[in-house]
Protein backbone atom coordinates (compact mmCIF):
# COMPACT_ATOMS: atom_id res chain seq x y z
CA MET A 1 2.02 171.68 -176.59
CA THR A 2 1.05 175.22 -175.49
CA VAL A 3 2.76 176.93 -172.92
CA ALA A 4 -0.19 176.71 -170.49
CA LEU A 5 0.13 172.85 -170.75
CA VAL A 6 3.61 173.07 -170.03
CA VAL A 7 3.25 175.35 -167.00
CA ARG A 8 0.58 172.92 -165.58
CA ARG A 9 2.85 169.82 -166.08
CA TRP A 10 5.85 171.26 -164.42
CA THR A 11 3.56 172.73 -161.40
CA ILE A 12 2.62 169.16 -160.69
CA GLU A 13 6.09 167.92 -160.90
CA ALA A 14 7.33 170.90 -158.66
CA ARG A 15 4.86 170.07 -155.93
CA SER A 16 6.38 166.49 -156.04
CA LEU A 17 9.96 167.93 -155.39
CA LEU A 18 9.14 169.76 -152.33
CA PRO A 19 11.14 168.30 -149.34
CA ALA A 20 8.19 167.92 -146.80
CA PRO A 21 5.16 165.94 -147.57
CA ARG A 22 1.75 166.83 -146.94
CA ALA A 23 0.05 165.96 -143.76
CA ALA A 24 -2.72 163.50 -143.45
CA GLY A 25 -6.06 165.23 -144.56
CA GLY A 26 -4.41 167.13 -147.52
CA ALA A 27 -3.32 170.18 -145.17
CA ALA A 28 0.21 171.38 -146.13
CA THR A 29 3.00 170.99 -143.49
CA PRO A 30 4.44 174.23 -142.13
CA HIS A 31 7.63 173.68 -144.25
CA THR A 32 5.81 173.18 -147.46
CA ARG A 33 3.77 176.49 -146.65
CA ARG A 34 7.10 178.36 -146.23
CA LEU A 35 8.40 177.10 -149.37
CA ALA A 36 5.47 177.96 -151.19
CA TRP A 37 5.31 181.72 -150.16
CA LEU A 38 8.81 182.15 -150.82
CA ASP A 39 8.56 180.59 -154.36
CA ALA A 40 5.67 183.07 -154.69
CA LEU A 41 7.87 186.11 -154.07
CA ARG A 42 10.78 184.67 -156.02
CA GLY A 43 8.17 184.12 -159.11
CA LEU A 44 6.84 187.83 -158.54
CA ALA A 45 10.40 189.29 -158.47
CA ALA A 46 11.55 187.46 -161.56
CA MET A 47 8.51 188.69 -163.74
CA VAL A 48 9.33 192.43 -162.54
CA VAL A 49 12.82 192.09 -163.50
CA VAL A 50 11.98 190.72 -166.77
CA PHE A 51 9.53 194.10 -167.19
CA GLU A 52 12.37 196.47 -166.50
CA HIS A 53 14.83 194.85 -168.93
CA ALA A 54 12.07 194.76 -171.58
CA LEU A 55 11.49 198.75 -171.58
CA GLY A 56 14.83 199.18 -173.18
CA PRO A 57 14.31 197.21 -176.44
CA LEU A 58 10.48 197.75 -176.38
CA TRP A 59 9.69 200.98 -174.65
CA PRO A 60 13.00 203.08 -174.48
CA GLU A 61 10.94 206.37 -174.63
CA ALA A 62 9.33 205.20 -171.08
CA ARG A 63 12.40 203.45 -169.47
CA LEU A 64 13.70 206.60 -167.63
CA PRO A 65 10.48 208.19 -166.56
CA ILE A 66 9.24 205.03 -165.02
CA LYS A 67 12.59 204.33 -163.43
CA ALA A 68 12.46 207.85 -161.95
CA VAL A 69 9.31 207.16 -160.15
CA PHE A 70 9.99 203.45 -159.28
CA GLU A 71 12.96 201.25 -160.04
CA PRO A 72 11.31 198.01 -160.88
CA GLY A 73 14.66 195.97 -161.34
CA TRP A 74 15.78 197.19 -157.80
CA TYR A 75 12.69 196.08 -156.32
CA GLY A 76 13.04 192.80 -157.92
CA VAL A 77 16.42 192.04 -156.84
CA LEU A 78 15.92 193.26 -153.23
CA VAL A 79 12.93 190.61 -153.17
CA PHE A 80 15.30 188.02 -154.29
CA PHE A 81 17.86 189.01 -151.86
CA LEU A 82 15.29 188.78 -149.01
CA VAL A 83 14.16 185.29 -149.97
CA SER A 84 17.78 184.18 -150.10
CA GLY A 85 18.77 185.79 -146.77
CA TYR A 86 15.81 184.16 -145.24
CA ILE A 87 16.02 180.66 -146.75
CA VAL A 88 19.82 179.88 -147.59
CA PRO A 89 21.55 179.96 -144.03
CA ALA A 90 18.29 177.71 -143.05
CA SER A 91 19.62 175.23 -145.57
CA LEU A 92 23.35 175.17 -144.22
CA GLU A 93 22.07 174.97 -140.57
CA ARG A 94 19.77 172.25 -141.15
CA ARG A 95 22.37 169.97 -142.77
CA GLY A 96 25.00 171.27 -140.50
CA SER A 97 27.76 170.37 -143.20
CA VAL A 98 29.65 173.01 -145.19
CA GLY A 99 30.53 170.40 -147.61
CA ALA A 100 26.85 169.40 -148.10
CA PHE A 101 25.90 172.94 -148.29
CA TRP A 102 28.44 173.99 -151.36
CA VAL A 103 27.49 170.71 -153.19
CA SER A 104 24.14 171.81 -153.17
CA ARG A 105 24.89 175.52 -154.14
CA PHE A 106 26.92 174.17 -156.85
CA PHE A 107 24.40 172.19 -158.56
CA ARG A 108 21.87 174.74 -157.77
CA LEU A 109 23.94 177.42 -159.60
CA TRP A 110 26.55 176.51 -161.92
CA PRO A 111 24.74 174.15 -164.45
CA LEU A 112 22.15 176.89 -165.67
CA PHE A 113 24.87 179.47 -165.19
CA SER A 114 26.75 177.45 -167.93
CA VAL A 115 23.83 177.38 -169.92
CA CYS A 116 23.62 181.06 -169.81
CA MET A 117 27.12 181.88 -170.86
CA ALA A 118 26.83 179.46 -173.58
CA GLY A 119 23.74 181.17 -174.98
CA MET A 120 25.53 184.32 -174.76
CA ALA A 121 28.55 183.01 -176.84
CA LEU A 122 25.87 181.60 -179.24
CA LEU A 123 24.37 185.09 -179.73
CA THR A 124 27.62 186.60 -180.23
CA VAL A 125 28.64 184.01 -182.82
CA ALA A 126 25.59 184.72 -184.62
CA GLY A 127 26.14 188.58 -184.56
CA TRP A 128 23.46 189.35 -182.64
CA ASP A 129 25.29 190.84 -179.85
CA ASP A 130 28.92 191.83 -178.71
CA MET A 131 30.84 190.69 -175.72
CA HIS A 132 32.70 193.45 -173.86
CA ILE A 133 36.01 194.12 -175.90
CA TRP A 134 38.15 192.97 -172.74
CA TRP A 135 36.94 189.46 -173.53
CA ARG A 136 39.62 189.66 -176.21
CA SER A 137 42.25 191.26 -174.34
CA ARG A 138 41.60 189.82 -170.81
CA PRO A 139 40.09 186.48 -171.45
CA VAL A 140 41.67 184.46 -168.48
CA ALA A 141 40.77 187.17 -165.93
CA LEU A 142 37.14 187.41 -167.11
CA ALA A 143 36.87 183.64 -167.39
CA LEU A 144 38.23 182.82 -163.91
CA ALA A 145 36.28 185.70 -162.46
CA HIS A 146 32.89 184.42 -163.81
CA ALA A 147 33.86 180.81 -162.80
CA GLY A 148 33.80 181.91 -159.27
CA MET A 149 30.70 184.26 -159.81
CA LEU A 150 32.54 187.26 -158.22
CA GLN A 151 33.19 189.00 -161.31
CA ASN A 152 31.12 192.26 -160.10
CA LEU A 153 33.56 192.44 -157.16
CA LEU A 154 36.62 191.87 -159.29
CA TYR A 155 35.97 194.67 -161.81
CA VAL A 156 34.95 192.47 -164.65
CA PRO A 157 32.42 193.09 -166.98
CA ASN A 158 29.46 190.67 -166.67
CA LEU A 159 29.15 188.60 -169.83
CA VAL A 160 25.14 188.91 -169.39
CA ASN A 161 23.90 191.99 -167.53
CA VAL A 162 21.88 190.11 -164.48
CA LEU A 163 25.01 188.23 -163.48
CA TRP A 164 26.09 190.93 -161.19
CA THR A 165 23.48 189.95 -158.53
CA LEU A 166 25.11 186.77 -158.39
CA SER A 167 28.30 187.92 -157.32
CA TYR A 168 26.67 189.31 -154.16
CA GLU A 169 25.03 186.23 -153.54
CA MET A 170 28.15 184.30 -153.79
CA ALA A 171 29.70 186.80 -151.24
CA PHE A 172 26.99 186.13 -148.88
CA TYR A 173 27.56 182.35 -149.04
CA LEU A 174 31.00 182.86 -148.33
CA LEU A 175 30.38 185.04 -145.37
CA LEU A 176 27.72 182.39 -144.12
CA THR A 177 30.36 179.71 -144.59
CA ALA A 178 32.94 181.58 -142.50
CA MET A 179 30.27 182.66 -139.94
CA PHE A 180 29.09 179.14 -139.58
CA THR A 181 32.60 177.83 -139.10
CA LEU A 182 33.42 180.55 -136.55
CA GLY A 183 30.19 179.76 -134.53
CA VAL A 184 29.14 183.24 -135.01
CA HIS A 185 26.26 182.48 -137.64
CA ARG A 186 23.41 183.52 -135.20
CA ARG A 187 24.49 187.22 -134.91
CA SER A 188 22.58 187.93 -138.25
CA THR A 189 20.93 191.12 -136.68
CA ALA A 190 24.52 192.42 -135.68
CA ALA A 191 25.53 191.61 -139.31
CA ALA A 192 22.61 193.23 -140.78
CA LEU A 193 23.19 196.45 -138.80
CA THR A 194 26.94 196.57 -139.39
CA PHE A 195 26.38 196.47 -143.31
CA ALA A 196 23.55 198.96 -143.29
CA ALA A 197 25.60 201.25 -141.15
CA ALA A 198 28.55 200.81 -143.55
CA ALA A 199 26.24 201.54 -146.35
CA VAL A 200 25.10 204.81 -144.78
CA LEU A 201 28.52 205.95 -143.61
CA GLY A 202 30.56 204.76 -146.55
CA ALA A 203 28.35 206.27 -149.40
CA GLY A 204 30.33 208.48 -151.30
CA VAL A 205 33.35 208.13 -149.51
CA LEU A 206 34.64 204.20 -150.02
CA PRO A 207 36.90 203.86 -152.88
CA VAL A 208 35.88 201.93 -156.22
CA THR A 209 37.90 199.35 -158.12
CA LEU A 210 40.81 200.14 -155.96
CA LEU A 211 42.42 196.72 -156.22
CA SER A 212 41.42 195.86 -159.94
CA ALA A 213 41.79 198.97 -161.76
CA GLY A 214 45.14 199.69 -163.73
CA GLY A 215 45.68 197.41 -166.57
CA ALA A 216 45.34 194.07 -167.72
CA GLY A 217 48.08 192.66 -165.68
CA ARG A 218 46.84 194.16 -162.35
CA MET A 219 43.41 192.92 -163.01
CA LEU A 220 44.69 189.29 -163.63
CA THR A 221 46.59 189.26 -160.77
CA VAL A 222 44.07 190.33 -158.50
CA VAL A 223 41.65 187.84 -159.85
CA VAL A 224 44.03 184.89 -159.24
CA VAL A 225 45.20 186.08 -155.99
CA VAL A 226 41.44 186.41 -154.67
CA THR A 227 40.56 182.96 -156.30
CA ALA A 228 43.62 181.45 -154.92
CA VAL A 229 42.80 182.68 -151.36
CA LEU A 230 39.44 181.88 -151.29
CA ALA A 231 39.62 178.09 -152.76
CA ALA A 232 42.53 177.85 -150.16
CA GLY A 233 40.39 179.04 -147.38
CA LEU A 234 37.53 176.70 -148.40
CA ALA A 235 39.67 173.97 -148.49
CA MET A 236 40.85 174.57 -144.99
CA VAL A 237 37.39 174.90 -143.84
CA LEU A 238 36.21 171.73 -145.18
CA ARG A 239 39.39 169.62 -144.59
CA GLY A 240 41.13 170.99 -141.76
CA GLY A 241 41.39 170.88 -137.94
CA ARG A 242 39.48 173.08 -135.83
CA ARG A 243 42.13 175.91 -135.90
CA VAL A 244 42.68 175.39 -139.64
CA ARG A 245 39.09 175.51 -140.22
CA GLN A 246 39.09 178.87 -138.22
CA ALA A 247 42.01 180.33 -139.96
CA GLY A 248 40.43 179.54 -143.39
CA ALA A 249 36.97 181.08 -142.47
CA VAL A 250 39.09 184.20 -141.44
CA ALA A 251 40.62 184.17 -144.71
CA VAL A 252 37.57 183.83 -146.83
CA ALA A 253 35.72 186.53 -144.90
CA GLY A 254 38.48 189.09 -144.60
CA THR A 255 38.87 188.60 -148.57
CA ILE A 256 35.07 189.22 -149.12
CA LEU A 257 35.00 192.09 -146.67
CA LEU A 258 37.91 193.68 -148.33
CA LEU A 259 36.15 193.48 -151.87
CA LEU A 260 33.08 194.88 -150.64
CA ALA A 261 34.73 197.75 -149.18
CA VAL A 262 37.25 199.15 -151.73
CA ASN A 263 36.48 196.85 -155.14
CA GLN A 264 32.85 197.54 -156.19
CA SER A 265 32.26 199.55 -159.35
CA TYR A 266 28.60 198.52 -160.06
CA PRO A 267 25.70 199.13 -158.57
CA GLY A 268 27.91 201.13 -156.06
CA PRO A 269 29.72 200.68 -152.79
CA TRP A 270 26.43 201.78 -150.81
CA GLN A 271 24.17 199.52 -152.56
CA GLY A 272 26.59 196.67 -152.40
CA LEU A 273 26.71 196.90 -148.67
CA PHE A 274 22.90 197.39 -148.44
CA ILE A 275 22.52 194.32 -150.43
CA LEU A 276 24.52 192.35 -147.70
CA ALA A 277 22.27 194.29 -145.03
CA THR A 278 19.29 192.94 -146.92
CA MET A 279 20.21 189.45 -146.93
CA PHE A 280 21.30 189.32 -143.39
CA ALA A 281 18.30 190.99 -142.27
CA GLY A 282 16.40 188.29 -144.04
CA THR A 283 18.34 185.80 -142.13
CA ALA A 284 17.32 187.63 -138.90
CA LEU A 285 13.56 187.36 -139.87
CA TYR A 286 13.94 183.44 -140.37
CA ARG A 287 15.48 183.52 -136.77
CA VAL A 288 12.55 185.45 -135.40
CA GLU A 289 10.17 183.45 -136.69
CA THR A 290 11.68 179.90 -135.73
CA GLY A 291 12.08 181.16 -132.42
CA GLN A 292 16.15 181.53 -132.34
CA ILE A 293 16.04 185.21 -131.32
CA GLY A 294 13.50 187.26 -129.72
CA HIS A 295 10.84 189.67 -131.16
CA ARG A 296 12.81 192.54 -130.06
CA HIS A 297 15.09 192.01 -132.88
CA LEU A 298 12.09 192.97 -135.30
CA ALA A 299 12.70 196.75 -134.33
CA TRP A 300 16.37 196.62 -135.04
CA VAL A 301 15.87 194.75 -138.47
CA ALA A 302 13.41 197.42 -139.50
CA LEU A 303 16.20 199.93 -139.43
CA VAL A 304 17.76 198.23 -142.36
CA PRO A 305 15.28 199.46 -144.83
CA LEU A 306 15.58 202.92 -143.20
CA ALA A 307 19.00 203.00 -143.65
CA GLY A 308 18.82 202.18 -147.44
CA LEU A 309 16.38 205.12 -147.91
CA TRP A 310 19.01 207.61 -146.57
CA PRO A 311 22.02 207.10 -149.42
CA ALA A 312 18.99 206.73 -151.90
CA ARG A 313 17.39 210.20 -150.95
CA ALA A 314 18.11 211.68 -154.17
CA GLU A 315 16.43 209.15 -156.01
CA LEU A 316 12.72 208.42 -155.48
CA GLY A 317 12.59 205.70 -157.93
CA SER A 318 15.25 203.75 -155.59
CA GLN A 319 13.44 204.77 -152.31
CA LEU A 320 10.03 203.49 -153.46
CA ALA A 321 11.58 200.25 -154.85
CA ILE A 322 13.41 199.48 -151.13
CA ALA A 323 10.03 200.52 -149.57
CA ALA A 324 8.09 198.19 -151.83
CA ALA A 325 10.49 195.30 -151.77
CA TRP A 326 10.33 195.15 -147.92
CA LEU A 327 6.42 195.63 -147.97
CA THR A 328 6.11 192.96 -150.28
CA PHE A 329 8.18 190.56 -148.10
CA ALA A 330 6.23 191.56 -144.98
CA ALA A 331 3.13 190.60 -146.82
CA GLY A 332 4.60 187.36 -147.85
CA MET A 333 5.40 186.63 -144.35
CA THR A 334 1.96 187.29 -143.06
CA LEU A 335 0.32 185.31 -145.89
CA ARG A 336 2.80 182.19 -145.32
CA HIS A 337 0.32 179.83 -144.04
CA ARG A 338 -2.10 180.67 -146.94
CA ARG A 339 -2.34 178.23 -150.12
CA MET A 340 -0.44 180.03 -152.82
CA PRO A 341 -1.32 179.99 -156.42
CA SER A 342 0.17 177.03 -158.18
CA TRP A 343 1.13 179.05 -161.08
CA LEU A 344 2.87 181.57 -159.00
CA THR A 345 4.79 179.02 -156.92
CA TRP A 346 5.76 177.27 -160.31
CA LEU A 347 7.19 180.88 -161.46
CA GLY A 348 9.17 180.58 -158.26
CA LEU A 349 10.31 177.22 -158.94
CA VAL A 350 11.73 178.42 -162.36
CA SER A 351 12.68 181.92 -161.22
CA TYR A 352 16.54 181.25 -161.80
CA SER A 353 15.95 180.29 -165.24
CA ILE A 354 13.87 183.27 -165.86
CA TYR A 355 16.29 185.39 -164.45
CA LEU A 356 19.23 184.20 -166.41
CA LEU A 357 17.53 183.38 -169.67
CA HIS A 358 15.47 186.44 -170.23
CA PRO A 359 18.35 188.80 -171.36
CA LEU A 360 19.19 186.49 -174.21
CA LEU A 361 15.80 186.64 -175.52
CA LEU A 362 15.65 190.61 -175.05
CA GLU A 363 19.00 190.72 -176.98
CA SER A 364 17.32 188.94 -179.93
CA VAL A 365 14.27 191.16 -179.81
CA GLU A 366 16.74 194.36 -179.86
CA PHE A 367 18.83 192.88 -182.81
CA PHE A 368 15.77 192.56 -184.85
CA LEU A 369 13.85 195.69 -183.57
CA PRO A 370 16.61 198.44 -183.54
CA ASP A 371 14.07 201.51 -183.38
CA PRO A 372 11.12 200.19 -181.20
CA SER A 373 9.76 203.71 -181.05
CA THR A 374 8.52 203.70 -184.60
CA VAL A 375 6.51 200.36 -183.89
CA PRO A 376 2.98 200.85 -182.93
CA VAL A 377 2.26 200.11 -179.13
CA ALA A 378 -0.09 197.15 -180.13
CA VAL A 379 2.63 195.42 -181.82
CA ARG A 380 5.07 195.96 -178.98
CA LEU A 381 2.46 194.70 -176.48
CA THR A 382 2.03 191.51 -178.45
CA LEU A 383 5.91 191.19 -178.69
CA LEU A 384 6.26 191.49 -174.82
CA ALA A 385 3.61 188.89 -174.59
CA ALA A 386 5.49 186.72 -177.03
CA VAL A 387 8.64 187.17 -175.10
CA TYR A 388 7.15 186.12 -171.98
CA ALA A 389 5.45 183.20 -173.44
CA ALA A 390 8.72 181.99 -175.06
CA LEU A 391 10.64 182.73 -171.88
CA LEU A 392 8.30 180.52 -169.89
CA GLY A 393 8.28 177.76 -172.35
CA LEU A 394 12.19 177.97 -172.22
CA CYS A 395 12.30 177.88 -168.50
CA ALA A 396 10.00 174.96 -168.78
CA LEU A 397 12.77 173.02 -170.50
CA THR A 398 15.68 174.14 -168.63
CA TRP A 399 14.15 173.03 -165.39
CA ARG A 400 13.25 169.79 -166.84
CA TRP A 401 16.51 169.29 -168.53
CA VAL A 402 19.06 171.18 -166.56
CA GLU A 403 17.89 172.44 -163.02
CA SER A 404 15.97 169.56 -161.86
CA PRO A 405 18.53 166.91 -163.09
CA ALA A 406 21.46 168.78 -161.54
CA GLN A 407 19.80 169.24 -158.50
CA SER A 408 18.99 165.60 -157.94
CA LEU A 409 22.27 164.81 -158.64
CA GLY A 410 23.81 167.03 -155.93
CA ARG A 411 21.01 165.58 -153.63
CA ARG A 412 22.22 161.87 -154.31
CA LEU A 413 25.81 163.16 -154.24
CA ILE A 414 25.16 164.41 -150.47
CA GLY A 415 23.30 161.62 -149.48
CA ARG A 416 26.28 159.10 -150.62
CA ALA A 417 28.69 161.36 -148.82
CA GLY A 418 26.30 161.34 -145.62
CA SER A 419 25.78 157.40 -145.77
CA ARG A 420 29.67 156.79 -146.06
CA ARG A 421 30.07 158.98 -142.68
CA ALA A 422 27.37 157.06 -141.02
CA ALA A 423 28.30 153.74 -141.99
CA PRO A 424 30.31 151.75 -139.10
CA SER A 425 34.17 151.19 -139.63
CA PRO A 426 35.08 147.67 -140.18
CA ALA A 427 36.15 145.82 -137.19
CA ARG A 428 39.83 145.52 -136.73
CA ALA A 429 41.49 142.17 -135.75
CA PRO A 430 43.54 141.77 -132.69
CA GLY A 431 47.07 143.28 -133.26
CA GLU A 432 46.15 145.28 -136.08
């Protein structure tokens, strides 16, 4: 079966998985259109990230000149973060259940994350790649940090290079949970501006790896303590009474804010804080569109990308990437009521697979092509096309056998839990 047929087949299945049906007469409902344009942006962002990471093993001589003018990877992840900020809080608030939200997130993220980790382990066993030396000397700390997807905020080297972004996604989810529990989740604009201001004022001032640096024992202690506090805080939020839930939310938010303030190493304090500002700005745009807050908030949200340009003032490539990411998202919002190309929405559907799995293919290319500068350009272009084709075929398989079944299982579990809560309690006999 060709890649084109695979893409066409899974595009058809993807349409059937959209939560909102089409209205009579074949017109897409507003909810369907909204998901379509977000999928299109995700697909575009994923392919751009693949392009940047392909420069190293295929065009190392062009990598730095391109990044000096435009950072395609930074552009791609910022589009991802805007999309996450826009849609993820809506998922939490639509359900109104922190437990359902985390069940959904678990089955959305961890199954494919595990596949990615296993794939990297296989490459290591095959001798095609080497894991960081700390996996030999600090395996418990590294494994526990990755299991919680906060490795980048714990000074733990990423098993696969792209996993660093998941730490900021996880930080965002935890802050959303805390804000929702405390009843301040609608203050998205204030959160965005606060993180943007912190990025500008803290650039070059905030410490890095203040907690985790200093040896294997110290790193393990920090990882264990952070994991325990976050787990206990989430348990309090999920199972406690009102005051217990609030105390758990404060513990969760305080821990994440502390890590963001003093324990980042890559991409750096201002970038990490700017990422959180970007995601909360996406949430604010969602609230403006849905009428939860007034249009005057758009002027405040516009300050976020401007704030990001200041600490990146010496890096033209980063500045242009920030501007392009926001312009891309604005264009997507403008066209959100238009019909999106099915191939682009399919790319968005499997964008998580594209993002996590492409480094494994590129690591393989690098192993077999140690000196790409000696290879003719035509051959390298052919190799790039082959990587994209193999990647899309692989993503079709992981969507079919990993992502889709896992998400379906998560929805079933959420549905069963909701049914149990909605079921009437059995009547008690007199005197019971």
